[in-house]
PDB file of N, CA and C in Angstrom:
ATOM      1  N   MET A   1       2.697  -6.597 -12.686  1.00  0.00           N
ATOM      2  CA  MET A   1       3.597  -5.461 -12.777  1.00  0.00           C
ATOM      3  C   MET A   1       3.557  -4.731 -11.431  1.00  0.00           C
ATOM      4  N   SER A   2       4.699  -4.341 -10.969  1.00  0.00           N
ATOM      5  CA  SER A   2       4.761  -3.670  -9.668  1.00  0.00           C
ATOM      6  C   SER A   2       4.256  -2.231  -9.786  1.00  0.00           C
ATOM      7  N   PRO A   3       3.770  -1.651  -8.677  1.00  0.00           N
ATOM      8  CA  PRO A   3       3.312  -0.264  -8.702  1.00  0.00           C
ATOM      9  C   PRO A   3       4.415   0.705  -9.139  1.00  0.00           C
ATOM     10  N   ARG A   4       5.652   0.406  -8.762  1.00  0.00           N
ATOM     11  CA  ARG A   4       6.767   1.280  -9.143  1.00  0.00           C
ATOM     12  C   ARG A   4       6.948   1.314 -10.662  1.00  0.00           C
ATOM     13  N   ILE A   5       6.885   0.147 -11.286  1.00  0.00           N
ATOM     14  CA  ILE A   5       7.020   0.067 -12.744  1.00  0.00           C
ATOM     15  C   ILE A   5       5.832   0.749 -13.411  1.00  0.00           C
ATOM     16  N   ALA A   6       4.641   0.533 -12.875  1.00  0.00           N
ATOM     17  CA  ALA A   6       3.444   1.164 -13.434  1.00  0.00           C
ATOM     18  C   ALA A   6       3.555   2.683 -13.387  1.00  0.00           C
ATOM     19  N   ARG A   7       4.043   3.208 -12.267  1.00  0.00           N
ATOM     20  CA  ARG A   7       4.189   4.656 -12.147  1.00  0.00           C
ATOM     21  C   ARG A   7       5.193   5.188 -13.162  1.00  0.00           C
ATOM     22  N   ARG A   8       6.284   4.461 -13.363  1.00  0.00           N
ATOM     23  CA  ARG A   8       7.285   4.879 -14.358  1.00  0.00           C
ATOM     24  C   ARG A   8       6.674   4.885 -15.755  1.00  0.00           C
ATOM     25  N   LEU A   9       5.845   3.876 -16.035  1.00  0.00           N
ATOM     26  CA  LEU A   9       5.170   3.810 -17.323  1.00  0.00           C
ATOM     27  C   LEU A   9       4.242   5.008 -17.505  1.00  0.00           C
ATOM     28  N   LEU A  10       3.473   5.321 -16.476  1.00  0.00           N
ATOM     29  CA  LEU A  10       2.564   6.473 -16.545  1.00  0.00           C
ATOM     30  C   LEU A  10       3.336   7.779 -16.676  1.00  0.00           C
ATOM     31  N   ASP A  11       4.426   7.917 -15.918  1.00  0.00           N
ATOM     32  CA  ASP A  11       5.246   9.131 -16.004  1.00  0.00           C
ATOM     33  C   ASP A  11       5.819   9.308 -17.398  1.00  0.00           C
ATOM     34  N   HIS A  12       6.130   8.210 -18.053  1.00  0.00           N
ATOM     35  CA  HIS A  12       6.671   8.278 -19.410  1.00  0.00           C
ATOM     36  C   HIS A  12       5.653   8.872 -20.392  1.00  0.00           C
ATOM     37  N   PHE A  13       4.382   8.519 -20.226  1.00  0.00           N
ATOM     38  CA  PHE A  13       3.357   8.957 -21.163  1.00  0.00           C
ATOM     39  C   PHE A  13       2.642  10.235 -20.731  1.00  0.00           C
ATOM     40  N   ARG A  14       2.875  10.700 -19.517  1.00  0.00           N
ATOM     41  CA  ARG A  14       2.233  11.912 -19.011  1.00  0.00           C
ATOM     42  C   ARG A  14       2.915  13.137 -19.624  1.00  0.00           C
ATOM     43  N   PRO A  15       2.139  14.176 -19.981  1.00  0.00           N
ATOM     44  CA  PRO A  15       2.743  15.410 -20.504  1.00  0.00           C
ATOM     45  C   PRO A  15       3.686  16.023 -19.463  1.00  0.00           C
ATOM     46  N   GLU A  16       4.614  16.837 -19.939  1.00  0.00           N
ATOM     47  CA  GLU A  16       5.562  17.505 -19.060  1.00  0.00           C
ATOM     48  C   GLU A  16       4.819  18.328 -18.014  1.00  0.00           C
ATOM     49  N   PRO A  17       5.275  18.277 -16.762  1.00  0.00           N
ATOM     50  CA  PRO A  17       4.604  19.064 -15.722  1.00  0.00           C
ATOM     51  C   PRO A  17       4.788  20.553 -15.952  1.00  0.00           C
ATOM     52  N   GLY A  18       3.748  21.296 -15.630  1.00  0.00           N
ATOM     53  CA  GLY A  18       3.798  22.746 -15.797  1.00  0.00           C
ATOM     54  C   GLY A  18       3.808  23.443 -14.450  1.00  0.00           C
ATOM     55  N   ALA A  19       3.844  24.718 -14.510  1.00  0.00           N
ATOM     56  CA  ALA A  19       3.833  25.506 -13.272  1.00  0.00           C
ATOM     57  C   ALA A  19       2.479  25.369 -12.600  1.00  0.00           C
ATOM     58  N   GLY A  20       2.479  25.454 -11.275  1.00  0.00           N
ATOM     59  CA  GLY A  20       1.225  25.435 -10.528  1.00  0.00           C
ATOM     60  C   GLY A  20       0.642  24.061 -10.329  1.00  0.00           C
ATOM     61  N   GLU A  21       1.452  23.008 -10.469  1.00  0.00           N
ATOM     62  CA  GLU A  21       0.940  21.664 -10.267  1.00  0.00           C
ATOM     63  C   GLU A  21       0.570  21.461  -8.804  1.00  0.00           C
ATOM     64  N   ALA A  22      -0.459  20.683  -8.551  1.00  0.00           N
ATOM     65  CA  ALA A  22      -0.878  20.408  -7.182  1.00  0.00           C
ATOM     66  C   ALA A  22       0.165  19.557  -6.483  1.00  0.00           C
ATOM     67  N   GLY A  23       0.413  19.860  -5.210  1.00  0.00           N
ATOM     68  CA  GLY A  23       1.358  19.092  -4.422  1.00  0.00           C
ATOM     69  C   GLY A  23       0.734  17.797  -3.946  1.00  0.00           C
ATOM     70  N   VAL A  24       1.534  16.976  -3.283  1.00  0.00           N
ATOM     71  CA  VAL A  24       1.065  15.680  -2.827  1.00  0.00           C
ATOM     72  C   VAL A  24      -0.085  15.812  -1.849  1.00  0.00           C
ATOM     73  N   ASN A  25      -0.032  16.782  -0.950  1.00  0.00           N
ATOM     74  CA  ASN A  25      -1.066  16.935   0.063  1.00  0.00           C
ATOM     75  C   ASN A  25      -2.192  17.869  -0.358  1.00  0.00           C
ATOM     76  N   GLU A  26      -2.137  18.364  -1.572  1.00  0.00           N
ATOM     77  CA  GLU A  26      -3.173  19.275  -2.052  1.00  0.00           C
ATOM     78  C   GLU A  26      -4.214  18.508  -2.850  1.00  0.00           C
ATOM     79  N   VAL A  27      -5.344  19.152  -3.081  1.00  0.00           N
ATOM     80  CA  VAL A  27      -6.396  18.558  -3.894  1.00  0.00           C
ATOM     81  C   VAL A  27      -5.895  18.435  -5.322  1.00  0.00           C
ATOM     82  N   ALA A  28      -6.244  17.324  -5.997  1.00  0.00           N
ATOM     83  CA  ALA A  28      -5.794  17.108  -7.376  1.00  0.00           C
ATOM     84  C   ALA A  28      -6.290  18.234  -8.268  1.00  0.00           C
ATOM     85  N   GLU A  29      -5.379  18.747  -9.055  1.00  0.00           N
ATOM     86  CA  GLU A  29      -5.712  19.841  -9.963  1.00  0.00           C
ATOM     87  C   GLU A  29      -6.550  19.300 -11.123  1.00  0.00           C
ATOM     88  N   LEU A  30      -7.566  20.019 -11.498  1.00  0.00           N
ATOM     89  CA  LEU A  30      -8.415  19.591 -12.598  1.00  0.00           C
ATOM     90  C   LEU A  30      -7.831  20.044 -13.922  1.00  0.00           C
ATOM     91  N   HIS A  31      -7.889  19.183 -14.890  1.00  0.00           N
ATOM     92  CA  HIS A  31      -7.463  19.501 -16.240  1.00  0.00           C
ATOM     93  C   HIS A  31      -8.531  20.387 -16.858  1.00  0.00           C
ATOM     94  N   LYS A  32      -8.211  21.044 -17.947  1.00  0.00           N
ATOM     95  CA  LYS A  32      -9.187  21.938 -18.585  1.00  0.00           C
ATOM     96  C   LYS A  32     -10.491  21.234 -18.924  1.00  0.00           C
ATOM     97  N   SER A  33     -10.443  19.914 -19.093  1.00  0.00           N
ATOM     98  CA  SER A  33     -11.651  19.155 -19.403  1.00  0.00           C
ATOM     99  C   SER A  33     -12.442  18.797 -18.146  1.00  0.00           C
ATOM    100  N   GLY A  34     -11.882  19.100 -16.968  1.00  0.00           N
ATOM    101  CA  GLY A  34     -12.541  18.759 -15.726  1.00  0.00           C
ATOM    102  C   GLY A  34     -12.111  17.419 -15.169  1.00  0.00           C
ATOM    103  N   LEU A  35     -11.118  16.776 -15.775  1.00  0.00           N
ATOM    104  CA  LEU A  35     -10.645  15.485 -15.304  1.00  0.00           C
ATOM    105  C   LEU A  35      -9.570  15.660 -14.233  1.00  0.00           C
ATOM    106  N   THR A  36      -9.634  14.810 -13.217  1.00  0.00           N
ATOM    107  CA  THR A  36      -8.585  14.796 -12.211  1.00  0.00           C
ATOM    108  C   THR A  36      -7.355  14.105 -12.800  1.00  0.00           C
ATOM    109  N   GLU A  37      -6.236  14.192 -12.093  1.00  0.00           N
ATOM    110  CA  GLU A  37      -5.021  13.524 -12.567  1.00  0.00           C
ATOM    111  C   GLU A  37      -5.241  12.024 -12.694  1.00  0.00           C
ATOM    112  N   ARG A  38      -5.930  11.419 -11.734  1.00  0.00           N
ATOM    113  CA  ARG A  38      -6.201   9.979 -11.797  1.00  0.00           C
ATOM    114  C   ARG A  38      -7.035   9.646 -13.025  1.00  0.00           C
ATOM    115  N   GLU A  39      -8.059  10.461 -13.296  1.00  0.00           N
ATOM    116  CA  GLU A  39      -8.902  10.225 -14.476  1.00  0.00           C
ATOM    117  C   GLU A  39      -8.096  10.385 -15.755  1.00  0.00           C
ATOM    118  N   GLN A  40      -7.166  11.324 -15.779  1.00  0.00           N
ATOM    119  CA  GLN A  40      -6.297  11.475 -16.948  1.00  0.00           C
ATOM    120  C   GLN A  40      -5.430  10.240 -17.137  1.00  0.00           C
ATOM    121  N   ASP A  41      -4.919   9.694 -16.040  1.00  0.00           N
ATOM    122  CA  ASP A  41      -4.116   8.471 -16.118  1.00  0.00           C
ATOM    123  C   ASP A  41      -4.941   7.322 -16.678  1.00  0.00           C
ATOM    124  N   VAL A  42      -6.160   7.169 -16.160  1.00  0.00           N
ATOM    125  CA  VAL A  42      -7.050   6.103 -16.628  1.00  0.00           C
ATOM    126  C   VAL A  42      -7.375   6.310 -18.109  1.00  0.00           C
ATOM    127  N   LEU A  43      -7.688   7.537 -18.494  1.00  0.00           N
ATOM    128  CA  LEU A  43      -8.010   7.832 -19.884  1.00  0.00           C
ATOM    129  C   LEU A  43      -6.848   7.481 -20.801  1.00  0.00           C
ATOM    130  N   ALA A  44      -5.637   7.848 -20.415  1.00  0.00           N
ATOM    131  CA  ALA A  44      -4.464   7.555 -21.239  1.00  0.00           C
ATOM    132  C   ALA A  44      -4.284   6.049 -21.423  1.00  0.00           C
ATOM    133  N   LEU A  45      -4.488   5.293 -20.364  1.00  0.00           N
ATOM    134  CA  LEU A  45      -4.316   3.840 -20.462  1.00  0.00           C
ATOM    135  C   LEU A  45      -5.436   3.184 -21.257  1.00  0.00           C
ATOM    136  N   ILE A  46      -6.666   3.636 -21.051  1.00  0.00           N
ATOM    137  CA  ILE A  46      -7.805   3.105 -21.809  1.00  0.00           C
ATOM    138  C   ILE A  46      -7.614   3.415 -23.296  1.00  0.00           C
ATOM    139  N   ALA A  47      -7.143   4.626 -23.584  1.00  0.00           N
ATOM    140  CA  ALA A  47      -6.941   5.041 -24.974  1.00  0.00           C
ATOM    141  C   ALA A  47      -5.850   4.204 -25.649  1.00  0.00           C
ATOM    142  N   LYS A  48      -4.931   3.662 -24.866  1.00  0.00           N
ATOM    143  CA  LYS A  48      -3.882   2.810 -25.414  1.00  0.00           C
ATOM    144  C   LYS A  48      -4.363   1.376 -25.613  1.00  0.00           C
ATOM    145  N   GLY A  49      -5.631   1.117 -25.274  1.00  0.00           N
ATOM    146  CA  GLY A  49      -6.211  -0.193 -25.526  1.00  0.00           C
ATOM    147  C   GLY A  49      -6.191  -1.154 -24.354  1.00  0.00           C
ATOM    148  N   LEU A  50      -5.787  -0.701 -23.177  1.00  0.00           N
ATOM    149  CA  LEU A  50      -5.749  -1.579 -22.023  1.00  0.00           C
ATOM    150  C   LEU A  50      -7.152  -1.842 -21.499  1.00  0.00           C
ATOM    151  N   THR A  51      -7.341  -3.008 -20.935  1.00  0.00           N
ATOM    152  CA  THR A  51      -8.623  -3.343 -20.329  1.00  0.00           C
ATOM    153  C   THR A  51      -8.746  -2.643 -18.984  1.00  0.00           C
ATOM    154  N   VAL A  52      -9.959  -2.573 -18.488  1.00  0.00           N
ATOM    155  CA  VAL A  52     -10.195  -1.966 -17.176  1.00  0.00           C
ATOM    156  C   VAL A  52      -9.418  -2.749 -16.112  1.00  0.00           C
ATOM    157  N   ARG A  53      -9.395  -4.045 -16.232  1.00  0.00           N
ATOM    158  CA  ARG A  53      -8.667  -4.881 -15.275  1.00  0.00           C
ATOM    159  C   ARG A  53      -7.171  -4.559 -15.289  1.00  0.00           C
ATOM    160  N   LYS A  54      -6.582  -4.380 -16.483  1.00  0.00           N
ATOM    161  CA  LYS A  54      -5.158  -4.065 -16.591  1.00  0.00           C
ATOM    162  C   LYS A  54      -4.873  -2.653 -16.079  1.00  0.00           C
ATOM    163  N   VAL A  55      -5.784  -1.712 -16.362  1.00  0.00           N
ATOM    164  CA  VAL A  55      -5.646  -0.346 -15.850  1.00  0.00           C
ATOM    165  C   VAL A  55      -5.614  -0.382 -14.323  1.00  0.00           C
ATOM    166  N   ALA A  56      -6.526  -1.142 -13.736  1.00  0.00           N
ATOM    167  CA  ALA A  56      -6.587  -1.262 -12.279  1.00  0.00           C
ATOM    168  C   ALA A  56      -5.284  -1.831 -11.729  1.00  0.00           C
ATOM    169  N   GLU A  57      -4.772  -2.841 -12.395  1.00  0.00           N
ATOM    170  CA  GLU A  57      -3.517  -3.459 -11.963  1.00  0.00           C
ATOM    171  C   GLU A  57      -2.357  -2.462 -12.024  1.00  0.00           C
ATOM    172  N   LEU A  58      -2.272  -1.722 -13.125  1.00  0.00           N
ATOM    173  CA  LEU A  58      -1.181  -0.759 -13.293  1.00  0.00           C
ATOM    174  C   LEU A  58      -1.245   0.390 -12.286  1.00  0.00           C
ATOM    175  N   LEU A  59      -2.458   0.811 -11.960  1.00  0.00           N
ATOM    176  CA  LEU A  59      -2.626   1.940 -11.045  1.00  0.00           C
ATOM    177  C   LEU A  59      -2.774   1.500  -9.593  1.00  0.00           C
ATOM    178  N   ASP A  60      -2.720   0.193  -9.369  1.00  0.00           N
ATOM    179  CA  ASP A  60      -2.833  -0.363  -8.026  1.00  0.00           C
ATOM    180  C   ASP A  60      -4.149   0.034  -7.356  1.00  0.00           C
ATOM    181  N   ILE A  61      -5.236  -0.131  -8.118  1.00  0.00           N
ATOM    182  CA  ILE A  61      -6.587   0.106  -7.613  1.00  0.00           C
ATOM    183  C   ILE A  61      -7.429  -1.113  -7.956  1.00  0.00           C
ATOM    184  N   ILE A  62      -8.609  -1.221  -7.360  1.00  0.00           N
ATOM    185  CA  ILE A  62      -9.462  -2.366  -7.668  1.00  0.00           C
ATOM    186  C   ILE A  62     -10.192  -2.111  -8.991  1.00  0.00           C
ATOM    187  N   PRO A  63     -10.537  -3.182  -9.709  1.00  0.00           N
ATOM    188  CA  PRO A  63     -11.211  -3.028 -11.006  1.00  0.00           C
ATOM    189  C   PRO A  63     -12.495  -2.201 -10.947  1.00  0.00           C
ATOM    190  N   ASN A  64     -13.265  -2.314  -9.852  1.00  0.00           N
ATOM    191  CA  ASN A  64     -14.499  -1.521  -9.735  1.00  0.00           C
ATOM    192  C   ASN A  64     -14.193  -0.027  -9.702  1.00  0.00           C
ATOM    193  N   THR A  65     -13.096   0.352  -9.059  1.00  0.00           N
ATOM    194  CA  THR A  65     -12.700   1.761  -9.018  1.00  0.00           C
ATOM    195  C   THR A  65     -12.310   2.232 -10.405  1.00  0.00           C
ATOM    196  N   ALA A  66     -11.551   1.417 -11.116  1.00  0.00           N
ATOM    197  CA  ALA A  66     -11.143   1.770 -12.483  1.00  0.00           C
ATOM    198  C   ALA A  66     -12.374   1.899 -13.387  1.00  0.00           C
ATOM    199  N   ALA A  67     -13.311   0.971 -13.262  1.00  0.00           N
ATOM    200  CA  ALA A  67     -14.533   1.026 -14.066  1.00  0.00           C
ATOM    201  C   ALA A  67     -15.334   2.284 -13.747  1.00  0.00           C
ATOM    202  N   GLY A  68     -15.387   2.651 -12.474  1.00  0.00           N
ATOM    203  CA  GLY A  68     -16.070   3.883 -12.083  1.00  0.00           C
ATOM    204  C   GLY A  68     -15.408   5.109 -12.676  1.00  0.00           C
ATOM    205  N   CYS A  69     -14.075   5.099 -12.712  1.00  0.00           N
ATOM    206  CA  CYS A  69     -13.335   6.214 -13.337  1.00  0.00           C
ATOM    207  C   CYS A  69     -13.692   6.326 -14.814  1.00  0.00           C
ATOM    208  N   VAL A  70     -13.762   5.179 -15.491  1.00  0.00           N
ATOM    209  CA  VAL A  70     -14.095   5.186 -16.914  1.00  0.00           C
ATOM    210  C   VAL A  70     -15.483   5.788 -17.121  1.00  0.00           C
ATOM    211  N   LYS A  71     -16.434   5.396 -16.302  1.00  0.00           N
ATOM    212  CA  LYS A  71     -17.796   5.948 -16.414  1.00  0.00           C
ATOM    213  C   LYS A  71     -17.797   7.454 -16.182  1.00  0.00           C
ATOM    214  N   THR A  72     -17.038   7.889 -15.187  1.00  0.00           N
ATOM    215  CA  THR A  72     -16.959   9.324 -14.892  1.00  0.00           C
ATOM    216  C   THR A  72     -16.314  10.082 -16.043  1.00  0.00           C
ATOM    217  N   ILE A  73     -15.269   9.513 -16.623  1.00  0.00           N
ATOM    218  CA  ILE A  73     -14.585  10.134 -17.760  1.00  0.00           C
ATOM    219  C   ILE A  73     -15.557  10.274 -18.927  1.00  0.00           C
ATOM    220  N   TYR A  74     -16.270   9.199 -19.241  1.00  0.00           N
ATOM    221  CA  TYR A  74     -17.227   9.235 -20.343  1.00  0.00           C
ATOM    222  C   TYR A  74     -18.280  10.317 -20.104  1.00  0.00           C
ATOM    223  N   ARG A  75     -18.753  10.415 -18.857  1.00  0.00           N
ATOM    224  CA  ARG A  75     -19.778  11.420 -18.536  1.00  0.00           C
ATOM    225  C   ARG A  75     -19.219  12.829 -18.658  1.00  0.00           C
ATOM    226  N   LYS A  76     -18.042  13.073 -18.069  1.00  0.00           N
ATOM    227  CA  LYS A  76     -17.448  14.412 -18.095  1.00  0.00           C
ATOM    228  C   LYS A  76     -17.115  14.874 -19.505  1.00  0.00           C
ATOM    229  N   LEU A  77     -16.667  13.938 -20.345  1.00  0.00           N
ATOM    230  CA  LEU A  77     -16.265  14.302 -21.710  1.00  0.00           C
ATOM    231  C   LEU A  77     -17.400  14.146 -22.717  1.00  0.00           C
ATOM    232  N   ASN A  78     -18.542  13.662 -22.232  1.00  0.00           N
ATOM    233  CA  ASN A  78     -19.704  13.449 -23.091  1.00  0.00           C
ATOM    234  C   ASN A  78     -19.345  12.541 -24.270  1.00  0.00           C
ATOM    235  N   ILE A  79     -18.732  11.408 -23.946  1.00  0.00           N
ATOM    236  CA  ILE A  79     -18.359  10.418 -24.949  1.00  0.00           C
ATOM    237  C   ILE A  79     -18.965   9.084 -24.557  1.00  0.00           C
ATOM    238  N   SER A  80     -18.956   8.129 -25.498  1.00  0.00           N
ATOM    239  CA  SER A  80     -19.582   6.844 -25.196  1.00  0.00           C
ATOM    240  C   SER A  80     -18.829   5.642 -25.750  1.00  0.00           C
ATOM    241  N   SER A  81     -17.583   5.838 -26.182  1.00  0.00           N
ATOM    242  CA  SER A  81     -16.837   4.700 -26.712  1.00  0.00           C
ATOM    243  C   SER A  81     -15.339   4.881 -26.489  1.00  0.00           C
ATOM    244  N   ARG A  82     -14.618   3.780 -26.600  1.00  0.00           N
ATOM    245  CA  ARG A  82     -13.163   3.832 -26.470  1.00  0.00           C
ATOM    246  C   ARG A  82     -12.542   4.615 -27.623  1.00  0.00           C
ATOM    247  N   ALA A  83     -13.144   4.547 -28.783  1.00  0.00           N
ATOM    248  CA  ALA A  83     -12.622   5.309 -29.925  1.00  0.00           C
ATOM    249  C   ALA A  83     -12.681   6.808 -29.622  1.00  0.00           C
ATOM    250  N   GLU A  84     -13.807   7.261 -29.077  1.00  0.00           N
ATOM    251  CA  GLU A  84     -13.926   8.670 -28.696  1.00  0.00           C
ATOM    252  C   GLU A  84     -12.958   9.015 -27.571  1.00  0.00           C
ATOM    253  N   ALA A  85     -12.767   8.078 -26.643  1.00  0.00           N
ATOM    254  CA  ALA A  85     -11.826   8.296 -25.541  1.00  0.00           C
ATOM    255  C   ALA A  85     -10.405   8.440 -26.078  1.00  0.00           C
ATOM    256  N   THR A  86     -10.051   7.621 -27.056  1.00  0.00           N
ATOM    257  CA  THR A  86      -8.724   7.690 -27.660  1.00  0.00           C
ATOM    258  C   THR A  86      -8.519   9.025 -28.354  1.00  0.00           C
ATOM    259  N   LEU A  87      -9.514   9.467 -29.090  1.00  0.00           N
ATOM    260  CA  LEU A  87      -9.433  10.762 -29.771  1.00  0.00           C
ATOM    261  C   LEU A  87      -9.286  11.890 -28.754  1.00  0.00           C
ATOM    262  N   GLU A  88     -10.070  11.859 -27.709  1.00  0.00           N
ATOM    263  CA  GLU A  88     -10.015  12.902 -26.678  1.00  0.00           C
ATOM    264  C   GLU A  88      -8.658  12.896 -25.978  1.00  0.00           C
ATOM    265  N   ALA A  89      -8.143  11.725 -25.658  1.00  0.00           N
ATOM    266  CA  ALA A  89      -6.831  11.622 -25.006  1.00  0.00           C
ATOM    267  C   ALA A  89      -5.741  12.199 -25.909  1.00  0.00           C
ATOM    268  N   SER A  90      -5.852  11.941 -27.191  1.00  0.00           N
ATOM    269  CA  SER A  90      -4.889  12.486 -28.149  1.00  0.00           C
ATOM    270  C   SER A  90      -4.984  14.006 -28.219  1.00  0.00           C
ATOM    271  N   GLN A  91      -6.190  14.522 -28.258  1.00  0.00           N
ATOM    272  CA  GLN A  91      -6.387  15.970 -28.325  1.00  0.00           C
ATOM    273  C   GLN A  91      -5.906  16.672 -27.070  1.00  0.00           C
ATOM    274  N   GLN A  92      -5.967  15.978 -25.931  1.00  0.00           N
ATOM    275  CA  GLN A  92      -5.502  16.562 -24.664  1.00  0.00           C
ATOM    276  C   GLN A  92      -4.005  16.387 -24.468  1.00  0.00           C
ATOM    277  N   GLY A  93      -3.359  15.675 -25.394  1.00  0.00           N
ATOM    278  CA  GLY A  93      -1.917  15.471 -25.277  1.00  0.00           C
ATOM    279  C   GLY A  93      -1.537  14.384 -24.308  1.00  0.00           C
ATOM    280  N   LEU A  94      -2.499  13.533 -23.923  1.00  0.00           N
ATOM    281  CA  LEU A  94      -2.207  12.455 -22.987  1.00  0.00           C
ATOM    282  C   LEU A  94      -1.525  11.281 -23.681  1.00  0.00           C
ATOM    283  N   ILE A  95      -1.777  11.133 -24.979  1.00  0.00           N
ATOM    284  CA  ILE A  95      -1.118  10.113 -25.776  1.00  0.00           C
ATOM    285  C   ILE A  95      -0.770  10.723 -27.122  1.00  0.00           C
ATOM    286  N   SER A  96       0.158  10.122 -27.834  1.00  0.00           N
ATOM    287  CA  SER A  96       0.468  10.600 -29.180  1.00  0.00           C
ATOM    288  C   SER A  96      -0.045   9.573 -30.169  1.00  0.00           C
ATOM    289  N   MET A  97      -0.654  10.062 -31.210  1.00  0.00           N
ATOM    290  CA  MET A  97      -1.224   9.187 -32.236  1.00  0.00           C
ATOM    291  C   MET A  97      -0.224   9.077 -33.376  1.00  0.00           C
ATOM    292  N   PRO A  98       0.053   7.856 -33.836  1.00  0.00           N
ATOM    293  CA  PRO A  98       0.954   7.705 -34.992  1.00  0.00           C
ATOM    294  C   PRO A  98       0.305   8.262 -36.245  1.00  0.00           C
ATOM    295  N   LEU A  99       1.141   8.748 -37.144  1.00  0.00           N
ATOM    296  CA  LEU A  99       0.624   9.318 -38.394  1.00  0.00           C
ATOM    297  C   LEU A  99       0.285   8.269 -39.399  1.00  0.00           C
TER     298      LEU A  99
END
């Protein structure tokens, strides 16, 4: 999948932008949970069931970087499983859970 398509996919699932968003040349704004925008993207994709390798491909990063993001997310959110990650992503509005 091309980076352009991946970005469109991420933009589709990302919550609506709000006021005060960080610009391209500014430091990434932290979410209330302490996650950077990149970590939020990784969390949303992991919560949708994608593998670390597929997340890396979609975000145009190497798998080791994606795996490091996952570890950082787990540490910051004090979670230890994909199920907990999915629940947290849903609570943060990064993904919608079917009823």
